Amino acid sequence: MTRPVRVLLFASARTAVGRGELEWAVPPEGTPASALARELATAFPKLAPALRASRLVRNGRPIDRPATRIRPGDEFAIHPPYGGG
């Protein structure tokens, strides 16, 4: 059985989705980070604006290439710009 990806949502991404964490199924071979972001934006249309400005992180490391594969069991975090102080 394939484990889902754990998606963590922060700041405006959390507000757009209505919760701070999701489980998301990906194929056993994984999926590019850009494709996963598009799937999430399609499933949660209010998330799309936040994704355009967000930093994406895989297993605690910033994603520098959209083709980086997100695999079952990974943690995928969406960090929009933060405000406040």
PDB file of N, CA and C in Angstrom:
ATOM      1  N   MET A   1       0.839  -1.183   0.000  1.00  0.00           N
ATOM      2  CA  MET A   1       0.000   0.000   0.000  1.00  0.00           C
ATOM      3  C   MET A   1       0.888   1.252   0.000  1.00  0.00           C
ATOM      4  N   THR A   2       0.533   2.225  -0.804  1.00  0.00           N
ATOM      5  CA  THR A   2       1.310   3.448  -0.938  1.00  0.00           C
ATOM      6  C   THR A   2       0.898   4.448   0.131  1.00  0.00           C
ATOM      7  N   ARG A   3       1.887   5.057   0.750  1.00  0.00           N
ATOM      8  CA  ARG A   3       1.617   6.104   1.731  1.00  0.00           C
ATOM      9  C   ARG A   3       1.365   7.422   1.020  1.00  0.00           C
ATOM     10  N   PRO A   4       0.472   8.249   1.552  1.00  0.00           N
ATOM     11  CA  PRO A   4       0.227   9.555   0.940  1.00  0.00           C
ATOM     12  C   PRO A   4       1.346  10.534   1.275  1.00  0.00           C
ATOM     13  N   VAL A   5       1.335  11.647   0.607  1.00  0.00           N
ATOM     14  CA  VAL A   5       2.209  12.770   0.930  1.00  0.00           C
ATOM     15  C   VAL A   5       1.517  13.561   2.044  1.00  0.00           C
ATOM     16  N   ARG A   6       2.286  13.996   2.994  1.00  0.00           N
ATOM     17  CA  ARG A   6       1.765  14.878   4.045  1.00  0.00           C
ATOM     18  C   ARG A   6       1.985  16.310   3.574  1.00  0.00           C
ATOM     19  N   VAL A   7       0.909  17.050   3.362  1.00  0.00           N
ATOM     20  CA  VAL A   7       0.982  18.434   2.889  1.00  0.00           C
ATOM     21  C   VAL A   7       0.745  19.353   4.081  1.00  0.00           C
ATOM     22  N   LEU A   8       1.720  20.226   4.363  1.00  0.00           N
ATOM     23  CA  LEU A   8       1.603  21.202   5.437  1.00  0.00           C
ATOM     24  C   LEU A   8       1.332  22.569   4.828  1.00  0.00           C
ATOM     25  N   LEU A   9       0.377  23.281   5.386  1.00  0.00           N
ATOM     26  CA  LEU A   9      -0.028  24.585   4.857  1.00  0.00           C
ATOM     27  C   LEU A   9       0.136  25.640   5.950  1.00  0.00           C
ATOM     28  N   PHE A  10       0.756  26.751   5.593  1.00  0.00           N
ATOM     29  CA  PHE A  10       1.019  27.810   6.547  1.00  0.00           C
ATOM     30  C   PHE A  10       0.393  29.120   6.085  1.00  0.00           C
ATOM     31  N   ALA A  11       0.129  30.010   7.039  1.00  0.00           N
ATOM     32  CA  ALA A  11      -0.329  31.376   6.796  1.00  0.00           C
ATOM     33  C   ALA A  11      -1.545  31.396   5.858  1.00  0.00           C
ATOM     34  N   SER A  12      -1.456  32.158   4.769  1.00  0.00           N
ATOM     35  CA  SER A  12      -2.607  32.307   3.867  1.00  0.00           C
ATOM     36  C   SER A  12      -2.968  30.998   3.168  1.00  0.00           C
ATOM     37  N   ALA A  13      -2.029  30.087   3.016  1.00  0.00           N
ATOM     38  CA  ALA A  13      -2.343  28.776   2.430  1.00  0.00           C
ATOM     39  C   ALA A  13      -3.263  27.996   3.365  1.00  0.00           C
ATOM     40  N   ARG A  14      -2.983  28.078   4.652  1.00  0.00           N
ATOM     41  CA  ARG A  14      -3.830  27.412   5.648  1.00  0.00           C
ATOM     42  C   ARG A  14      -5.238  28.009   5.616  1.00  0.00           C
ATOM     43  N   THR A  15      -5.314  29.320   5.546  1.00  0.00           N
ATOM     44  CA  THR A  15      -6.612  29.998   5.495  1.00  0.00           C
ATOM     45  C   THR A  15      -7.384  29.593   4.242  1.00  0.00           C
ATOM     46  N   ALA A  16      -6.701  29.519   3.103  1.00  0.00           N
ATOM     47  CA  ALA A  16      -7.352  29.188   1.834  1.00  0.00           C
ATOM     48  C   ALA A  16      -7.953  27.786   1.846  1.00  0.00           C
ATOM     49  N   VAL A  17      -7.279  26.854   2.499  1.00  0.00           N
ATOM     50  CA  VAL A  17      -7.731  25.463   2.503  1.00  0.00           C
ATOM     51  C   VAL A  17      -8.659  25.179   3.697  1.00  0.00           C
ATOM     52  N   GLY A  18      -8.473  25.932   4.771  1.00  0.00           N
ATOM     53  CA  GLY A  18      -9.311  25.726   5.942  1.00  0.00           C
ATOM     54  C   GLY A  18      -8.731  24.778   6.968  1.00  0.00           C
ATOM     55  N   ARG A  19      -7.506  24.357   6.740  1.00  0.00           N
ATOM     56  CA  ARG A  19      -6.802  23.507   7.715  1.00  0.00           C
ATOM     57  C   ARG A  19      -5.309  23.555   7.437  1.00  0.00           C
ATOM     58  N   GLY A  20      -4.523  23.085   8.367  1.00  0.00           N
ATOM     59  CA  GLY A  20      -3.075  23.193   8.252  1.00  0.00           C
ATOM     60  C   GLY A  20      -2.375  21.970   7.704  1.00  0.00           C
ATOM     61  N   GLU A  21      -3.109  20.903   7.504  1.00  0.00           N
ATOM     62  CA  GLU A  21      -2.469  19.672   7.035  1.00  0.00           C
ATOM     63  C   GLU A  21      -3.445  18.846   6.208  1.00  0.00           C
ATOM     64  N   LEU A  22      -2.911  18.227   5.158  1.00  0.00           N
ATOM     65  CA  LEU A  22      -3.677  17.331   4.287  1.00  0.00           C
ATOM     66  C   LEU A  22      -2.861  16.075   4.039  1.00  0.00           C
ATOM     67  N   GLU A  23      -3.528  15.008   3.676  1.00  0.00           N
ATOM     68  CA  GLU A  23      -2.859  13.845   3.108  1.00  0.00           C
ATOM     69  C   GLU A  23      -3.262  13.798   1.646  1.00  0.00           C
ATOM     70  N   TRP A  24      -2.280  13.620   0.756  1.00  0.00           N
ATOM     71  CA  TRP A  24      -2.537  13.676  -0.687  1.00  0.00           C
ATOM     72  C   TRP A  24      -1.890  12.472  -1.350  1.00  0.00           C
ATOM     73  N   ALA A  25      -2.678  11.756  -2.128  1.00  0.00           N
ATOM     74  CA  ALA A  25      -2.163  10.579  -2.831  1.00  0.00           C
ATOM     75  C   ALA A  25      -1.349  10.988  -4.054  1.00  0.00           C
ATOM     76  N   VAL A  26      -0.220  10.355  -4.213  1.00  0.00           N
ATOM     77  CA  VAL A  26       0.601  10.521  -5.417  1.00  0.00           C
ATOM     78  C   VAL A  26       0.948   9.122  -5.923  1.00  0.00           C
ATOM     79  N   PRO A  27       1.315   9.002  -7.203  1.00  0.00           N
ATOM     80  CA  PRO A  27       1.681   7.681  -7.725  1.00  0.00           C
ATOM     81  C   PRO A  27       2.918   7.129  -7.005  1.00  0.00           C
ATOM     82  N   PRO A  28       3.107   5.822  -7.022  1.00  0.00           N
ATOM     83  CA  PRO A  28       4.267   5.223  -6.352  1.00  0.00           C
ATOM     84  C   PRO A  28       5.602   5.815  -6.811  1.00  0.00           C
ATOM     85  N   GLU A  29       5.682   6.234  -8.086  1.00  0.00           N
ATOM     86  CA  GLU A  29       6.940   6.800  -8.595  1.00  0.00           C
ATOM     87  C   GLU A  29       7.078   8.283  -8.264  1.00  0.00           C
ATOM     88  N   GLY A  30       6.058   8.839  -7.616  1.00  0.00           N
ATOM     89  CA  GLY A  30       6.087  10.249  -7.253  1.00  0.00           C
ATOM     90  C   GLY A  30       5.542  11.129  -8.363  1.00  0.00           C
ATOM     91  N   THR A  31       5.557  12.436  -8.106  1.00  0.00           N
ATOM     92  CA  THR A  31       5.066  13.416  -9.062  1.00  0.00           C
ATOM     93  C   THR A  31       5.895  14.685  -8.921  1.00  0.00           C
ATOM     94  N   PRO A  32       6.107  15.437  -9.991  1.00  0.00           N
ATOM     95  CA  PRO A  32       6.861  16.685  -9.867  1.00  0.00           C
ATOM     96  C   PRO A  32       6.167  17.664  -8.908  1.00  0.00           C
ATOM     97  N   ALA A  33       6.954  18.435  -8.201  1.00  0.00           N
ATOM     98  CA  ALA A  33       6.413  19.419  -7.264  1.00  0.00           C
ATOM     99  C   ALA A  33       5.442  20.362  -7.966  1.00  0.00           C
ATOM    100  N   SER A  34       5.763  20.762  -9.179  1.00  0.00           N
ATOM    101  CA  SER A  34       4.886  21.681  -9.908  1.00  0.00           C
ATOM    102  C   SER A  34       3.528  21.034 -10.196  1.00  0.00           C
ATOM    103  N   ALA A  35       3.516  19.744 -10.500  1.00  0.00           N
ATOM    104  CA  ALA A  35       2.257  19.043 -10.776  1.00  0.00           C
ATOM    105  C   ALA A  35       1.430  18.907  -9.496  1.00  0.00           C
ATOM    106  N   LEU A  36       2.096  18.624  -8.388  1.00  0.00           N
ATOM    107  CA  LEU A  36       1.381  18.521  -7.122  1.00  0.00           C
ATOM    108  C   LEU A  36       0.770  19.874  -6.748  1.00  0.00           C
ATOM    109  N   ALA A  37       1.519  20.941  -6.947  1.00  0.00           N
ATOM    110  CA  ALA A  37       1.001  22.279  -6.666  1.00  0.00           C
ATOM    111  C   ALA A  37      -0.231  22.574  -7.539  1.00  0.00           C
ATOM    112  N   ARG A  38      -0.182  22.198  -8.815  1.00  0.00           N
ATOM    113  CA  ARG A  38      -1.337  22.404  -9.705  1.00  0.00           C
ATOM    114  C   ARG A  38      -2.549  21.590  -9.243  1.00  0.00           C
ATOM    115  N   GLU A  39      -2.321  20.350  -8.826  1.00  0.00           N
ATOM    116  CA  GLU A  39      -3.420  19.514  -8.331  1.00  0.00           C
ATOM    117  C   GLU A  39      -4.075  20.159  -7.109  1.00  0.00           C
ATOM    118  N   LEU A  40      -3.253  20.666  -6.210  1.00  0.00           N
ATOM    119  CA  LEU A  40      -3.783  21.298  -5.005  1.00  0.00           C
ATOM    120  C   LEU A  40      -4.558  22.567  -5.345  1.00  0.00           C
ATOM    121  N   ALA A  41      -4.039  23.347  -6.288  1.00  0.00           N
ATOM    122  CA  ALA A  41      -4.728  24.571  -6.709  1.00  0.00           C
ATOM    123  C   ALA A  41      -6.067  24.253  -7.374  1.00  0.00           C
ATOM    124  N   THR A  42      -6.138  23.149  -8.096  1.00  0.00           N
ATOM    125  CA  THR A  42      -7.390  22.738  -8.722  1.00  0.00           C
ATOM    126  C   THR A  42      -8.393  22.278  -7.663  1.00  0.00           C
ATOM    127  N   ALA A  43      -7.915  21.524  -6.691  1.00  0.00           N
ATOM    128  CA  ALA A  43      -8.794  21.018  -5.638  1.00  0.00           C
ATOM    129  C   ALA A  43      -9.249  22.126  -4.685  1.00  0.00           C
ATOM    130  N   PHE A  44      -8.386  23.128  -4.495  1.00  0.00           N
ATOM    131  CA  PHE A  44      -8.666  24.237  -3.573  1.00  0.00           C
ATOM    132  C   PHE A  44      -8.403  25.548  -4.308  1.00  0.00           C
ATOM    133  N   PRO A  45      -9.358  26.022  -5.104  1.00  0.00           N
ATOM    134  CA  PRO A  45      -9.133  27.209  -5.936  1.00  0.00           C
ATOM    135  C   PRO A  45      -8.658  28.444  -5.164  1.00  0.00           C
ATOM    136  N   LYS A  46      -9.059  28.593  -3.915  1.00  0.00           N
ATOM    137  CA  LYS A  46      -8.611  29.744  -3.118  1.00  0.00           C
ATOM    138  C   LYS A  46      -7.112  29.661  -2.792  1.00  0.00           C
ATOM    139  N   LEU A  47      -6.532  28.488  -2.961  1.00  0.00           N
ATOM    140  CA  LEU A  47      -5.107  28.293  -2.684  1.00  0.00           C
ATOM    141  C   LEU A  47      -4.231  28.816  -3.819  1.00  0.00           C
ATOM    142  N   ALA A  48      -4.749  28.885  -5.028  1.00  0.00           N
ATOM    143  CA  ALA A  48      -3.947  29.252  -6.204  1.00  0.00           C
ATOM    144  C   ALA A  48      -3.172  30.557  -6.031  1.00  0.00           C
ATOM    145  N   PRO A  49      -3.792  31.661  -5.565  1.00  0.00           N
ATOM    146  CA  PRO A  49      -3.014  32.904  -5.415  1.00  0.00           C
ATOM    147  C   PRO A  49      -1.858  32.758  -4.418  1.00  0.00           C
ATOM    148  N   ALA A  50      -2.083  32.038  -3.333  1.00  0.00           N
ATOM    149  CA  ALA A  50      -1.012  31.839  -2.343  1.00  0.00           C
ATOM    150  C   ALA A  50       0.128  31.006  -2.931  1.00  0.00           C
ATOM    151  N   LEU A  51      -0.208  30.014  -3.745  1.00  0.00           N
ATOM    152  CA  LEU A  51       0.834  29.158  -4.325  1.00  0.00           C
ATOM    153  C   LEU A  51       1.784  29.932  -5.231  1.00  0.00           C
ATOM    154  N   ARG A  52       1.263  30.927  -5.949  1.00  0.00           N
ATOM    155  CA  ARG A  52       2.110  31.688  -6.871  1.00  0.00           C
ATOM    156  C   ARG A  52       3.248  32.407  -6.150  1.00  0.00           C
ATOM    157  N   ALA A  53       3.035  32.765  -4.891  1.00  0.00           N
ATOM    158  CA  ALA A  53       4.050  33.511  -4.144  1.00  0.00           C
ATOM    159  C   ALA A  53       4.747  32.659  -3.080  1.00  0.00           C
ATOM    160  N   SER A  54       4.434  31.379  -3.016  1.00  0.00           N
ATOM    161  CA  SER A  54       4.917  30.534  -1.927  1.00  0.00           C
ATOM    162  C   SER A  54       6.266  29.894  -2.205  1.00  0.00           C
ATOM    163  N   ARG A  55       6.925  29.606  -1.110  1.00  0.00           N
ATOM    164  CA  ARG A  55       8.134  28.779  -1.158  1.00  0.00           C
ATOM    165  C   ARG A  55       7.668  27.356  -0.866  1.00  0.00           C
ATOM    166  N   LEU A  56       8.073  26.411  -1.700  1.00  0.00           N
ATOM    167  CA  LEU A  56       7.710  25.010  -1.532  1.00  0.00           C
ATOM    168  C   LEU A  56       8.888  24.269  -0.919  1.00  0.00           C
ATOM    169  N   VAL A  57       8.572  23.358  -0.003  1.00  0.00           N
ATOM    170  CA  VAL A  57       9.614  22.663   0.753  1.00  0.00           C
ATOM    171  C   VAL A  57       9.301  21.173   0.756  1.00  0.00           C
ATOM    172  N   ARG A  58      10.311  20.355   0.487  1.00  0.00           N
ATOM    173  CA  ARG A  58      10.170  18.887   0.524  1.00  0.00           C
ATOM    174  C   ARG A  58      11.049  18.348   1.629  1.00  0.00           C
ATOM    175  N   ASN A  59      10.448  17.679   2.583  1.00  0.00           N
ATOM    176  CA  ASN A  59      11.184  17.058   3.691  1.00  0.00           C
ATOM    177  C   ASN A  59      12.146  18.035   4.371  1.00  0.00           C
ATOM    178  N   GLY A  60      11.669  19.265   4.577  1.00  0.00           N
ATOM    179  CA  GLY A  60      12.462  20.262   5.283  1.00  0.00           C
ATOM    180  C   GLY A  60      13.472  21.020   4.446  1.00  0.00           C
ATOM    181  N   ARG A  61      13.553  20.734   3.144  1.00  0.00           N
ATOM    182  CA  ARG A  61      14.511  21.408   2.270  1.00  0.00           C
ATOM    183  C   ARG A  61      13.772  22.166   1.173  1.00  0.00           C
ATOM    184  N   PRO A  62      14.121  23.434   0.956  1.00  0.00           N
ATOM    185  CA  PRO A  62      13.457  24.206  -0.105  1.00  0.00           C
ATOM    186  C   PRO A  62      13.606  23.523  -1.469  1.00  0.00           C
ATOM    187  N   ILE A  63      12.563  23.577  -2.244  1.00  0.00           N
ATOM    188  CA  ILE A  63      12.562  23.011  -3.594  1.00  0.00           C
ATOM    189  C   ILE A  63      13.064  24.087  -4.543  1.00  0.00           C
ATOM    190  N   ASP A  64      14.153  23.806  -5.243  1.00  0.00           N
ATOM    191  CA  ASP A  64      14.706  24.798  -6.173  1.00  0.00           C
ATOM    192  C   ASP A  64      14.394  24.485  -7.633  1.00  0.00           C
ATOM    193  N   ARG A  65      13.851  23.282  -7.902  1.00  0.00           N
ATOM    194  CA  ARG A  65      13.483  22.914  -9.274  1.00  0.00           C
ATOM    195  C   ARG A  65      12.055  22.399  -9.286  1.00  0.00           C
ATOM    196  N   PRO A  66      11.198  22.927 -10.157  1.00  0.00           N
ATOM    197  CA  PRO A  66       9.804  22.476 -10.216  1.00  0.00           C
ATOM    198  C   PRO A  66       9.670  20.984 -10.531  1.00  0.00           C
ATOM    199  N   ALA A  67      10.691  20.397 -11.154  1.00  0.00           N
ATOM    200  CA  ALA A  67      10.629  18.979 -11.517  1.00  0.00           C
ATOM    201  C   ALA A  67      11.007  18.057 -10.350  1.00  0.00           C
ATOM    202  N   THR A  68      11.400  18.612  -9.210  1.00  0.00           N
ATOM    203  CA  THR A  68      11.733  17.785  -8.044  1.00  0.00           C
ATOM    204  C   THR A  68      10.559  16.869  -7.738  1.00  0.00           C
ATOM    205  N   ARG A  69      10.836  15.576  -7.610  1.00  0.00           N
ATOM    206  CA  ARG A  69       9.759  14.605  -7.402  1.00  0.00           C
ATOM    207  C   ARG A  69       9.360  14.534  -5.937  1.00  0.00           C
ATOM    208  N   ILE A  70       8.060  14.554  -5.747  1.00  0.00           N
ATOM    209  CA  ILE A  70       7.476  14.362  -4.427  1.00  0.00           C
ATOM    210  C   ILE A  70       6.956  12.929  -4.401  1.00  0.00           C
ATOM    211  N   ARG A  71       7.464  12.159  -3.464  1.00  0.00           N
ATOM    212  CA  ARG A  71       7.167  10.726  -3.438  1.00  0.00           C
ATOM    213  C   ARG A  71       6.281  10.368  -2.239  1.00  0.00           C
ATOM    214  N   PRO A  72       5.590   9.217  -2.327  1.00  0.00           N
ATOM    215  CA  PRO A  72       4.780   8.780  -1.192  1.00  0.00           C
ATOM    216  C   PRO A  72       5.610   8.786   0.092  1.00  0.00           C
ATOM    217  N   GLY A  73       5.016   9.288   1.160  1.00  0.00           N
ATOM    218  CA  GLY A  73       5.692   9.364   2.446  1.00  0.00           C
ATOM    219  C   GLY A  73       6.445  10.667   2.671  1.00  0.00           C
ATOM    220  N   ASP A  74       6.624  11.476   1.616  1.00  0.00           N
ATOM    221  CA  ASP A  74       7.305  12.767   1.760  1.00  0.00           C
ATOM    222  C   ASP A  74       6.408  13.756   2.494  1.00  0.00           C
ATOM    223  N   GLU A  75       7.052  14.806   2.986  1.00  0.00           N
ATOM    224  CA  GLU A  75       6.343  15.955   3.533  1.00  0.00           C
ATOM    225  C   GLU A  75       6.534  17.110   2.557  1.00  0.00           C
ATOM    226  N   PHE A  76       5.448  17.724   2.152  1.00  0.00           N
ATOM    227  CA  PHE A  76       5.442  18.824   1.182  1.00  0.00           C
ATOM    228  C   PHE A  76       4.821  20.018   1.875  1.00  0.00           C
ATOM    229  N   ALA A  77       5.602  21.063   2.095  1.00  0.00           N
ATOM    230  CA  ALA A  77       5.112  22.225   2.823  1.00  0.00           C
ATOM    231  C   ALA A  77       4.978  23.423   1.905  1.00  0.00           C
ATOM    232  N   ILE A  78       3.937  24.198   2.135  1.00  0.00           N
ATOM    233  CA  ILE A  78       3.666  25.419   1.362  1.00  0.00           C
ATOM    234  C   ILE A  78       3.812  26.597   2.321  1.00  0.00           C
ATOM    235  N   HIS A  79       4.813  27.436   2.041  1.00  0.00           N
ATOM    236  CA  HIS A  79       5.119  28.606   2.876  1.00  0.00           C
ATOM    237  C   HIS A  79       4.886  29.889   2.090  1.00  0.00           C
ATOM    238  N   PRO A  80       3.688  30.480   2.219  1.00  0.00           N
ATOM    239  CA  PRO A  80       3.471  31.786   1.585  1.00  0.00           C
ATOM    240  C   PRO A  80       4.295  32.853   2.313  1.00  0.00           C
ATOM    241  N   PRO A  81       4.399  34.039   1.740  1.00  0.00           N
ATOM    242  CA  PRO A  81       5.088  35.110   2.467  1.00  0.00           C
ATOM    243  C   PRO A  81       4.378  35.364   3.806  1.00  0.00           C
ATOM    244  N   TYR A  82       5.175  35.561   4.844  1.00  0.00           N
ATOM    245  CA  TYR A  82       4.631  35.822   6.172  1.00  0.00           C
ATOM    246  C   TYR A  82       4.630  37.302   6.449  1.00  0.00           C
ATOM    247  N   GLY A  83       3.688  37.742   7.238  1.00  0.00           N
ATOM    248  CA  GLY A  83       3.632  39.144   7.651  1.00  0.00           C
ATOM    249  C   GLY A  83       3.536  39.202   9.168  1.00  0.00           C
ATOM    250  N   GLY A  84       3.563  40.392   9.679  1.00  0.00           N
ATOM    251  CA  GLY A  84       3.423  40.571  11.121  1.00  0.00           C
ATOM    252  C   GLY A  84       4.750  40.719  11.805  1.00  0.00           C
ATOM    253  N   GLY A  85       4.731  40.729  13.084  1.00  0.00           N
ATOM    254  CA  GLY A  85       5.989  40.903  13.791  1.00  0.00           C
ATOM    255  C   GLY A  85       5.848  40.968  15.227  1.00  0.00           C
TER     256      GLY A  85
END
